[in-house]
Amino acid sequence: MDDGNEAFHIALEKGEARFFRASRGSAKGKTGLEDTARFAENLMILQECAILIGEKLEMGAVARATFYEGDDTFGFCFDQNSDSQDPEVAGAIVNRRLPMEEFVSSIRDSINE
């Protein structure tokens, strides 16, 4: 990915998570359009899988999901502070493998900042 965004390159060099927000079919991030588009694409896939798993297990909506692709960790969780009728999703991408709980915890920390 050839993204000229400085925040993107710093996060990659340091192995830090790049955080995003999404609602109403739109995603926002600080690490450039390509990185945000990559997050949005993976978010749609994760949400579809979460819905299917929730239905199959008769759990209802799944509030968070994480997956690994190569050395990258992707994931999302619903922002518990957002309007339940119009929930926001917070998520991240990091270029290393993190345990799910640590990864989701970092997303929740970013929500509360």
C-alpha atoms as a PDB file:
ATOM      1  CA  MET A   1       0.000   0.000   0.000  1.00  0.00           C
ATOM      2  CA  ASP A   2       1.537   3.316  -1.041  1.00  0.00           C
ATOM      3  CA  ASP A   3      -0.170   5.716   1.319  1.00  0.00           C
ATOM      4  CA  GLY A   4       1.560   9.075   1.835  1.00  0.00           C
ATOM      5  CA  ASN A   5      -0.087   9.576   5.235  1.00  0.00           C
ATOM      6  CA  GLU A   6       2.534  10.075   7.955  1.00  0.00           C
ATOM      7  CA  ALA A   7       0.289   8.606  10.688  1.00  0.00           C
ATOM      8  CA  PHE A   8      -0.014   5.411   8.628  1.00  0.00           C
ATOM      9  CA  HIS A   9       3.748   5.001   8.270  1.00  0.00           C
ATOM     10  CA  ILE A  10       4.437   5.746  11.939  1.00  0.00           C
ATOM     11  CA  ALA A  11       1.849   3.169  13.042  1.00  0.00           C
ATOM     12  CA  LEU A  12       3.381   0.543  10.737  1.00  0.00           C
ATOM     13  CA  GLU A  13       6.905   1.229  11.951  1.00  0.00           C
ATOM     14  CA  LYS A  14       5.891   1.021  15.613  1.00  0.00           C
ATOM     15  CA  GLY A  15       3.447  -1.871  15.223  1.00  0.00           C
ATOM     16  CA  GLU A  16       0.664   0.306  16.637  1.00  0.00           C
ATOM     17  CA  ALA A  17      -3.037  -0.066  15.940  1.00  0.00           C
ATOM     18  CA  ARG A  18      -4.724   2.275  13.475  1.00  0.00           C
ATOM     19  CA  PHE A  19      -8.186   3.102  14.822  1.00  0.00           C
ATOM     20  CA  PHE A  20     -11.365   3.751  12.861  1.00  0.00           C
ATOM     21  CA  ARG A  21     -14.998   4.672  13.465  1.00  0.00           C
ATOM     22  CA  ALA A  22     -17.925   3.644  11.306  1.00  0.00           C
ATOM     23  CA  SER A  23     -21.642   4.381  11.188  1.00  0.00           C
ATOM     24  CA  ARG A  24     -24.343   4.704   8.575  1.00  0.00           C
ATOM     25  CA  GLY A  25     -22.202   3.047   5.900  1.00  0.00           C
ATOM     26  CA  SER A  26     -19.268   5.413   6.280  1.00  0.00           C
ATOM     27  CA  ALA A  27     -15.866   4.833   7.889  1.00  0.00           C
ATOM     28  CA  LYS A  28     -13.414   7.403   9.217  1.00  0.00           C
ATOM     29  CA  GLY A  29      -9.759   7.043  10.119  1.00  0.00           C
ATOM     30  CA  LYS A  30      -6.627   9.134  10.433  1.00  0.00           C
ATOM     31  CA  THR A  31      -4.291   6.978   8.376  1.00  0.00           C
ATOM     32  CA  GLY A  32      -5.417   7.796   4.861  1.00  0.00           C
ATOM     33  CA  LEU A  33      -8.109   6.847   2.401  1.00  0.00           C
ATOM     34  CA  GLU A  34      -6.595   3.502   1.337  1.00  0.00           C
ATOM     35  CA  ASP A  35      -6.195   2.306   4.926  1.00  0.00           C
ATOM     36  CA  THR A  36      -9.717   3.449   5.826  1.00  0.00           C
ATOM     37  CA  ALA A  37     -11.130   1.707   2.728  1.00  0.00           C
ATOM     38  CA  ARG A  38      -9.294  -1.482   3.719  1.00  0.00           C
ATOM     39  CA  PHE A  39     -10.815  -1.279   7.205  1.00  0.00           C
ATOM     40  CA  ALA A  40     -14.313  -0.627   5.791  1.00  0.00           C
ATOM     41  CA  GLU A  41     -14.071  -3.616   3.442  1.00  0.00           C
ATOM     42  CA  ASN A  42     -12.983  -5.934   6.244  1.00  0.00           C
ATOM     43  CA  LEU A  43     -15.606  -4.479   8.572  1.00  0.00           C
ATOM     44  CA  MET A  44     -18.375  -5.432   6.135  1.00  0.00           C
ATOM     45  CA  ILE A  45     -17.044  -8.990   5.921  1.00  0.00           C
ATOM     46  CA  LEU A  46     -16.687  -9.292   9.705  1.00  0.00           C
ATOM     47  CA  GLN A  47     -20.158  -7.905  10.359  1.00  0.00           C
ATOM     48  CA  GLU A  48     -21.718 -10.327   7.876  1.00  0.00           C
ATOM     49  CA  CYS A  49     -19.923 -13.246   9.521  1.00  0.00           C
ATOM     50  CA  ALA A  50     -20.860 -11.990  13.006  1.00  0.00           C
ATOM     51  CA  ILE A  51     -24.532 -11.814  12.007  1.00  0.00           C
ATOM     52  CA  LEU A  52     -24.460 -15.355  10.587  1.00  0.00           C
ATOM     53  CA  ILE A  53     -22.697 -16.758  13.644  1.00  0.00           C
ATOM     54  CA  GLY A  54     -25.052 -14.920  15.994  1.00  0.00           C
ATOM     55  CA  GLU A  55     -28.071 -16.305  14.158  1.00  0.00           C
ATOM     56  CA  LYS A  56     -26.669 -19.848  13.984  1.00  0.00           C
ATOM     57  CA  LEU A  57     -25.920 -19.875  17.717  1.00  0.00           C
ATOM     58  CA  GLU A  58     -29.198 -18.086  18.499  1.00  0.00           C
ATOM     59  CA  MET A  59     -27.233 -15.357  20.286  1.00  0.00           C
ATOM     60  CA  GLY A  60     -28.539 -12.348  18.415  1.00  0.00           C
ATOM     61  CA  ALA A  61     -26.065  -9.701  17.377  1.00  0.00           C
ATOM     62  CA  VAL A  62     -22.380 -10.312  17.980  1.00  0.00           C
ATOM     63  CA  ALA A  63     -20.911  -7.211  19.624  1.00  0.00           C
ATOM     64  CA  ARG A  64     -17.299  -7.741  18.568  1.00  0.00           C
ATOM     65  CA  ALA A  65     -15.205  -9.761  16.160  1.00  0.00           C
ATOM     66  CA  THR A  66     -11.547 -10.179  15.319  1.00  0.00           C
ATOM     67  CA  PHE A  67      -9.674 -12.004  12.589  1.00  0.00           C
ATOM     68  CA  TYR A  68      -6.108 -12.520  11.465  1.00  0.00           C
ATOM     69  CA  GLU A  69      -4.791 -12.239   7.937  1.00  0.00           C
ATOM     70  CA  GLY A  70      -1.097 -12.973   7.616  1.00  0.00           C
ATOM     71  CA  ASP A  71       0.553 -10.890  10.319  1.00  0.00           C
ATOM     72  CA  ASP A  72      -2.328  -8.390  10.517  1.00  0.00           C
ATOM     73  CA  THR A  73      -5.075  -8.282  13.138  1.00  0.00           C
ATOM     74  CA  PHE A  74      -8.428  -6.709  12.179  1.00  0.00           C
ATOM     75  CA  GLY A  75     -11.448  -6.229  14.348  1.00  0.00           C
ATOM     76  CA  PHE A  76     -14.360  -4.188  15.585  1.00  0.00           C
ATOM     77  CA  CYS A  77     -16.638  -3.726  18.531  1.00  0.00           C
ATOM     78  CA  PHE A  78     -19.766  -1.677  18.988  1.00  0.00           C
ATOM     79  CA  ASP A  79     -19.325   1.586  20.846  1.00  0.00           C
ATOM     80  CA  GLN A  80     -21.284   1.071  24.052  1.00  0.00           C
ATOM     81  CA  ASN A  81     -21.546   4.874  24.421  1.00  0.00           C
ATOM     82  CA  SER A  82     -23.370   5.350  21.117  1.00  0.00           C
ATOM     83  CA  ASP A  83     -27.119   5.487  20.512  1.00  0.00           C
ATOM     84  CA  SER A  84     -28.485   1.927  20.520  1.00  0.00           C
ATOM     85  CA  GLN A  85     -30.891   2.892  17.725  1.00  0.00           C
ATOM     86  CA  ASP A  86     -27.990   4.162  15.586  1.00  0.00           C
ATOM     87  CA  PRO A  87     -24.888   2.390  16.926  1.00  0.00           C
ATOM     88  CA  GLU A  88     -21.365   3.312  15.988  1.00  0.00           C
ATOM     89  CA  VAL A  89     -18.644   0.775  15.425  1.00  0.00           C
ATOM     90  CA  ALA A  90     -15.045   1.261  16.475  1.00  0.00           C
ATOM     91  CA  GLY A  91     -12.313  -0.875  15.042  1.00  0.00           C
ATOM     92  CA  ALA A  92      -8.662  -1.205  14.262  1.00  0.00           C
ATOM     93  CA  ILE A  93      -5.974  -2.750  12.112  1.00  0.00           C
ATOM     94  CA  VAL A  94      -2.533  -3.569  13.466  1.00  0.00           C
ATOM     95  CA  ASN A  95       0.337  -5.127  11.534  1.00  0.00           C
ATOM     96  CA  ARG A  96       1.040  -7.822  14.116  1.00  0.00           C
ATOM     97  CA  ARG A  97      -0.914 -10.598  15.758  1.00  0.00           C
ATOM     98  CA  LEU A  98      -2.527  -9.669  19.065  1.00  0.00           C
ATOM     99  CA  PRO A  99      -4.660 -11.837  21.347  1.00  0.00           C
ATOM    100  CA  MET A 100      -8.330 -10.998  20.860  1.00  0.00           C
ATOM    101  CA  GLU A 101      -8.866  -9.629  24.377  1.00  0.00           C
ATOM    102  CA  GLU A 102      -5.827  -7.337  24.159  1.00  0.00           C
ATOM    103  CA  PHE A 103      -6.899  -6.143  20.718  1.00  0.00           C
ATOM    104  CA  VAL A 104     -10.512  -5.431  21.719  1.00  0.00           C
ATOM    105  CA  SER A 105      -9.272  -3.749  24.891  1.00  0.00           C
ATOM    106  CA  SER A 106      -7.172  -1.364  22.776  1.00  0.00           C
ATOM    107  CA  ILE A 107     -10.265  -0.516  20.701  1.00  0.00           C
ATOM    108  CA  ARG A 108     -12.311   0.142  23.836  1.00  0.00           C
ATOM    109  CA  ASP A 109      -9.506   2.361  25.172  1.00  0.00           C
ATOM    110  CA  SER A 110      -9.596   4.361  21.919  1.00  0.00           C
ATOM    111  CA  ILE A 111     -13.375   4.788  22.310  1.00  0.00           C
ATOM    112  CA  ASN A 112     -12.936   6.226  25.777  1.00  0.00           C
ATOM    113  CA  GLU A 113     -10.174   8.684  24.821  1.00  0.00           C
END
